[in-house]
């Protein structure tokens, strides 16, 4: 597969996996219901995405950088919502 098709495939995967995460962020923002979100899972997910972002930068992979940057921002929002809206 040529490099051009490989990048297109990477961007398609990046767009689909990133967009799939956004409805959860939107729903949490609108309902302020964080009861089904696990804080340990969000923290582990954040660390994993951060490592994927670093890997993408080191590999100079635009699709990985694009997807993981957006997903990190989304995860930061979910972490914020979890901390703000959790019943104490």
Protein backbone atom coordinates (compact mmCIF):
# COMPACT_ATOMS: atom_id res chain seq x y z
CA UNK A 1 0.00 0.00 0.00
CA UNK A 2 1.41 3.40 -0.90
CA UNK A 3 2.18 5.95 1.78
CA UNK A 4 -0.68 8.16 0.57
CA UNK A 5 -3.26 5.38 1.01
CA UNK A 6 -1.74 4.49 4.36
CA UNK A 7 -2.18 8.07 5.59
CA UNK A 8 -5.76 8.16 4.30
CA UNK A 9 -6.49 4.91 6.12
CA UNK A 10 -4.89 6.31 9.27
CA UNK A 11 -6.92 9.51 9.12
CA UNK A 12 -10.14 7.56 8.50
CA UNK A 13 -9.44 5.41 11.56
CA UNK A 14 -8.53 8.51 13.57
CA UNK A 15 -11.72 10.32 12.61
CA UNK A 16 -13.98 7.33 13.35
CA UNK A 17 -12.47 6.50 16.73
CA UNK A 18 -12.38 10.14 17.80
CA UNK A 19 -15.93 10.91 16.67
CA UNK A 20 -17.18 7.76 18.43
CA UNK A 21 -15.99 9.22 21.75
CA UNK A 22 -17.63 12.65 21.37
CA UNK A 23 -21.28 11.63 22.07
CA UNK A 24 -20.25 10.50 25.57
CA UNK A 25 -18.65 13.86 26.24
CA UNK A 26 -21.72 15.70 24.93
CA UNK A 27 -24.17 13.53 26.89
CA UNK A 28 -22.19 13.96 30.10
CA UNK A 29 -22.02 17.71 29.59
CA UNK A 30 -25.77 18.00 28.94
CA UNK A 31 -27.01 15.64 31.68
CA UNK A 32 -24.26 16.22 34.22
CA UNK A 33 -24.71 12.54 35.09
CA UNK A 34 -21.28 11.05 35.77
CA UNK A 35 -22.44 8.07 37.81
CA UNK A 36 -21.57 5.60 35.06
CA UNK A 37 -18.08 7.02 34.51
CA UNK A 38 -15.27 5.32 36.39
CA UNK A 39 -12.58 7.72 37.59
CA UNK A 40 -9.82 5.05 37.54
CA UNK A 41 -10.82 4.12 33.97
CA UNK A 42 -10.73 7.77 32.88
CA UNK A 43 -7.29 8.27 34.44
CA UNK A 44 -5.89 5.11 32.83
CA UNK A 45 -7.49 6.05 29.52
CA UNK A 46 -5.97 9.55 29.72
CA UNK A 47 -2.50 8.13 30.40
CA UNK A 48 -2.88 5.65 27.53
CA UNK A 49 -3.98 8.34 25.09
CA UNK A 50 -1.15 10.59 26.24
CA UNK A 51 1.33 7.79 25.54
CA UNK A 52 -0.25 7.20 22.10
CA UNK A 53 0.10 10.93 21.39
CA UNK A 54 3.78 10.88 22.38
CA UNK A 55 4.26 7.78 20.22
CA UNK A 56 2.54 9.50 17.29
CA UNK A 57 4.79 12.55 17.66
CA UNK A 58 7.91 10.37 17.84
CA UNK A 59 6.76 8.42 14.76
CA UNK A 60 5.75 11.67 13.00
CA UNK A 61 2.28 10.25 12.34
CA UNK A 62 -0.25 13.00 11.58
CA UNK A 63 -3.29 10.70 11.99
CA UNK A 64 -2.14 9.58 15.45
CA UNK A 65 -1.31 13.13 16.51
CA UNK A 66 -4.67 14.41 15.24
CA UNK A 67 -6.81 11.71 16.85
CA UNK A 68 -5.03 11.56 20.16
CA UNK A 69 -4.91 15.34 20.59
CA UNK A 70 -8.68 15.57 20.18
CA UNK A 71 -9.26 12.52 22.38
CA UNK A 72 -7.03 13.94 25.12
CA UNK A 73 -9.05 17.16 25.13
CA UNK A 74 -12.28 15.14 25.28
CA UNK A 75 -10.93 13.03 28.13
CA UNK A 76 -9.90 16.15 30.04
CA UNK A 77 -13.50 17.35 29.75
CA UNK A 78 -14.82 14.02 31.04
CA UNK A 79 -12.35 14.07 33.93
CA UNK A 80 -13.41 17.61 34.77
CA UNK A 81 -17.10 16.65 34.60
CA UNK A 82 -16.47 13.57 36.76
CA UNK A 83 -14.73 15.61 39.43
CA UNK A 84 -17.19 18.52 39.28
CA UNK A 85 -20.48 16.60 39.12
CA UNK A 86 -19.72 13.59 41.33
CA UNK A 87 -21.87 13.44 44.42
CA UNK A 88 -19.62 13.96 47.38
